[in-house]
Protein backbone atom coordinates (compact mmCIF):
# COMPACT_ATOMS: atom_id res chain seq x y z
CA MET A 1 0.09 -0.02 -0.08
CA LYS A 2 1.78 2.92 -1.33
CA LEU A 3 0.39 5.44 1.17
CA LEU A 4 1.31 3.52 4.42
CA GLU A 5 5.00 3.02 2.61
CA ASP A 6 5.10 7.04 1.85
CA ARG A 7 4.20 7.89 5.67
CA ILE A 8 6.90 5.07 6.79
CA ARG A 9 9.54 6.67 4.89
CA ARG A 10 8.46 10.30 5.67
CA ASP A 11 7.70 9.45 9.56
CA GLY A 12 8.96 6.15 10.45
CA LYS A 13 12.47 6.13 12.59
CA ILE A 14 14.95 3.30 12.54
CA LYS A 15 16.17 2.49 16.03
CA SER A 16 19.21 -0.11 16.40
CA GLY A 17 18.27 -3.82 16.78
CA ASN A 18 16.02 -3.24 13.81
CA VAL A 19 13.12 -1.50 15.52
CA LEU A 20 11.14 0.65 13.30
CA LYS A 21 9.22 3.48 15.38
CA VAL A 22 6.03 4.48 13.55
CA ASP A 23 4.60 5.79 16.95
CA SER A 24 4.04 9.29 15.56
CA PHE A 25 1.07 7.43 13.38
CA LEU A 26 0.31 3.96 13.73
CA ASN A 27 0.91 2.46 17.49
CA HIS A 28 1.04 5.42 19.77
CA GLN A 29 -0.65 8.72 18.16
CA MET A 30 -3.18 7.30 16.05
CA ASP A 31 -3.78 8.91 12.47
CA VAL A 32 -7.44 7.92 12.02
CA LYS A 33 -7.59 9.05 8.41
CA LEU A 34 -4.64 6.33 7.49
CA PHE A 35 -6.48 3.88 9.57
CA ALA A 36 -9.75 4.20 7.58
CA GLU A 37 -7.26 3.82 4.29
CA ILE A 38 -6.04 0.72 6.05
CA GLY A 39 -9.24 -0.92 6.82
CA LYS A 40 -10.62 -0.19 3.39
CA GLU A 41 -7.64 -1.90 1.88
CA PHE A 42 -8.22 -4.79 4.13
CA LEU A 43 -11.66 -4.88 3.20
CA ARG A 44 -10.61 -5.11 -0.47
CA LEU A 45 -8.62 -8.12 0.55
CA PHE A 46 -10.41 -10.22 2.62
CA GLY A 47 -14.15 -8.63 1.86
CA ASP A 48 -15.32 -12.48 0.09
CA CYS A 49 -14.15 -14.29 3.18
CA GLY A 50 -17.39 -13.97 5.43
CA VAL A 51 -15.28 -12.53 8.42
CA THR A 52 -17.53 -12.53 11.48
CA LYS A 53 -14.97 -11.31 13.89
CA ILE A 54 -11.70 -9.46 14.02
CA LEU A 55 -9.29 -10.60 16.42
CA THR A 56 -6.01 -8.45 17.55
CA ILE A 57 -3.73 -8.43 20.59
CA GLU A 58 -3.52 -5.54 22.93
CA ALA A 59 -2.46 -2.78 22.74
CA SER A 60 -1.19 -1.44 19.50
CA GLY A 61 -3.40 -3.50 17.08
CA ILE A 62 -6.62 -2.58 18.79
CA GLY A 63 -7.44 1.19 17.03
CA ILE A 64 -6.13 -0.66 13.52
CA ALA A 65 -8.98 -3.67 13.92
CA CYS A 66 -11.54 -1.28 15.27
CA VAL A 67 -11.55 0.79 12.51
CA THR A 68 -11.05 -2.08 9.97
CA ALA A 69 -14.07 -3.45 11.67
CA GLN A 70 -16.31 -0.63 10.60
CA TYR A 71 -15.91 -2.22 7.07
CA PHE A 72 -16.75 -5.49 7.73
CA ASP A 73 -19.52 -4.63 10.03
CA CYS A 74 -18.24 -7.31 12.44
CA PRO A 75 -17.04 -7.06 16.37
CA VAL A 76 -13.39 -6.80 17.40
CA ILE A 77 -12.03 -9.04 20.22
CA PHE A 78 -8.69 -8.26 21.49
CA ALA A 79 -6.40 -10.71 23.38
CA LYS A 80 -5.76 -9.42 26.70
CA LYS A 81 -2.15 -9.82 28.25
CA ASN A 82 -3.54 -10.14 32.05
CA LYS A 83 -6.56 -11.83 33.39
CA THR A 84 -8.47 -9.51 34.92
CA LYS A 85 -11.74 -9.49 37.18
CA ASN A 86 -13.89 -8.59 33.97
CA ILE A 87 -12.78 -11.92 32.53
CA ALA A 88 -14.76 -14.76 34.28
CA GLY A 89 -15.02 -18.15 33.17
CA ASP A 90 -13.61 -19.97 30.62
CA VAL A 91 -10.68 -18.52 28.57
CA TYR A 92 -8.65 -19.63 25.88
CA THR A 93 -5.06 -18.80 26.38
CA SER A 94 -1.55 -18.88 24.64
CA LYS A 95 2.03 -17.41 24.85
CA VAL A 96 3.40 -14.61 23.02
CA GLU A 97 7.02 -13.18 23.15
CA SER A 98 7.06 -9.12 22.37
CA TYR A 99 9.81 -8.23 20.25
CA THR A 100 9.88 -4.96 21.33
CA HIS A 101 9.44 -5.69 25.10
CA GLY A 102 11.35 -8.43 25.30
CA LYS A 103 8.96 -10.19 27.85
CA VAL A 104 6.55 -13.37 27.49
CA TYR A 105 2.86 -12.79 27.90
CA ASP A 106 0.06 -15.03 28.34
CA ILE A 107 -2.77 -13.69 26.53
CA ILE A 108 -6.47 -14.99 26.73
CA VAL A 109 -9.66 -14.71 25.14
CA SER A 110 -12.82 -15.18 26.73
CA LYS A 111 -14.69 -18.27 25.20
CA GLU A 112 -17.72 -16.24 25.19
CA PHE A 113 -16.55 -14.04 22.44
CA LEU A 114 -14.88 -16.43 20.30
CA ARG A 115 -16.74 -19.39 19.08
CA PRO A 116 -16.47 -22.24 16.65
CA GLU A 117 -18.78 -20.79 14.21
CA ASP A 118 -16.69 -17.72 13.96
CA ARG A 119 -14.64 -16.70 10.89
CA VAL A 120 -11.74 -14.81 12.11
CA LEU A 121 -9.54 -12.16 10.52
CA LEU A 122 -6.33 -11.39 12.43
CA ILE A 123 -5.29 -7.86 12.45
CA ASP A 124 -1.66 -6.24 13.87
CA ASP A 125 0.59 -3.56 13.41
CA PHE A 126 3.44 -5.42 12.90
CA LEU A 127 5.07 -8.82 11.82
CA ALA A 128 8.40 -9.66 12.71
CA ASN A 129 9.31 -12.62 14.24
CA GLY A 130 5.80 -14.25 14.46
CA SER A 131 4.95 -14.93 17.99
CA ALA A 132 2.19 -12.57 18.61
CA LEU A 133 0.47 -14.05 15.16
CA MET A 134 1.30 -17.41 16.39
CA GLY A 135 -0.42 -16.84 19.72
CA LEU A 136 -3.48 -15.64 18.11
CA ILE A 137 -3.46 -18.25 15.35
CA LYS A 138 -3.37 -20.87 18.58
CA LEU A 139 -6.50 -18.92 20.11
CA VAL A 140 -8.46 -19.55 16.72
CA GLN A 141 -7.67 -23.32 16.39
CA ASP A 142 -8.60 -23.49 20.25
CA ALA A 143 -11.78 -22.25 19.66
CA GLY A 144 -12.43 -24.47 16.60
CA ALA A 145 -13.26 -21.12 14.63
CA THR A 146 -11.89 -20.45 10.88
CA LEU A 147 -9.42 -18.36 10.61
CA VAL A 148 -9.33 -16.65 6.78
CA GLY A 149 -6.08 -15.15 7.14
CA ALA A 150 -4.02 -12.28 8.97
CA GLY A 151 -3.88 -8.68 8.19
CA ILE A 152 -0.49 -6.81 8.97
CA CYS A 153 0.19 -3.02 8.64
CA VAL A 154 4.10 -3.51 8.45
CA GLU A 155 5.83 -6.89 7.94
CA LYS A 156 9.63 -6.97 8.08
CA ALA A 157 10.12 -9.52 5.46
CA PHE A 158 13.89 -9.91 6.51
CA GLN A 159 12.74 -11.48 9.81
CA PRO A 160 11.06 -14.91 9.66
CA GLY A 161 7.43 -14.25 11.26
CA GLY A 162 5.80 -13.86 7.64
CA GLN A 163 7.22 -16.63 6.18
CA MET A 164 6.83 -19.24 9.28
CA VAL A 165 3.16 -18.16 9.24
CA ARG A 166 2.67 -18.69 5.31
CA ASP A 167 4.67 -21.84 5.72
CA LEU A 168 1.50 -22.94 7.49
CA GLY A 169 -0.82 -22.21 4.87
CA ILE A 170 -2.16 -19.28 6.34
CA ARG A 171 -2.94 -16.30 4.11
CA VAL A 172 -1.25 -13.33 5.14
CA GLU A 173 -1.48 -9.90 3.85
CA SER A 174 0.78 -7.19 4.93
CA LEU A 175 0.41 -3.51 3.23
CA ALA A 176 4.00 -2.60 3.81
CA ARG A 177 6.62 -5.73 3.28
CA ILE A 178 10.13 -4.28 4.57
CA GLN A 179 12.89 -6.05 2.70
CA SER A 180 15.60 -4.50 4.46
CA MET A 181 16.54 -1.14 6.92
CA SER A 182 19.24 0.74 8.30
CA GLU A 183 20.09 2.86 11.21
CA ASP A 184 21.17 5.62 8.40
CA GLY A 185 17.18 5.73 7.62
CA HIS A 186 17.32 3.89 4.43
CA ILE A 187 14.22 1.45 3.88
CA GLU A 188 13.72 -0.73 0.92
CA PHE A 189 10.22 -2.48 0.42
CA CYS A 190 9.74 -5.65 -1.36
């Protein structure tokens, strides 16, 4: 998606350790007009899949998932990183390792909201090593729901996550696939 690639080139900041900061428009301060275009593109890509639920992980994917869900006219579920008193009863759980935080989380979704009859589209801001996406995939599988695919805003194609998920036969559509990036600010897209 050229619009997203251009925005990454203009406002993205490359930090050491292959970290791309897009917090000025994607995952801290959010450009809702950009999110609307992202949502329309995900609808174009997955609109014929019969999506009944969008699943993301807290926190960065929530805004993108919510705007996207408006185009699919379906609810959003977000996997929580901590069990709270608000989630009572049976839950699906999975473990994910955060690339940016270097921490392992237990993610949870209430069984009440993810059902076998659901057709689920995963939405997230980044795909790097694939841990978050694999955790979300496990939740969908545990629920017995149908996974229609994953919509990713930014994929670091030089890291193994995207290929790992695609090798499982799961459809992954990334709007901006980064082939390489360097600390001097150069970004090359696939």
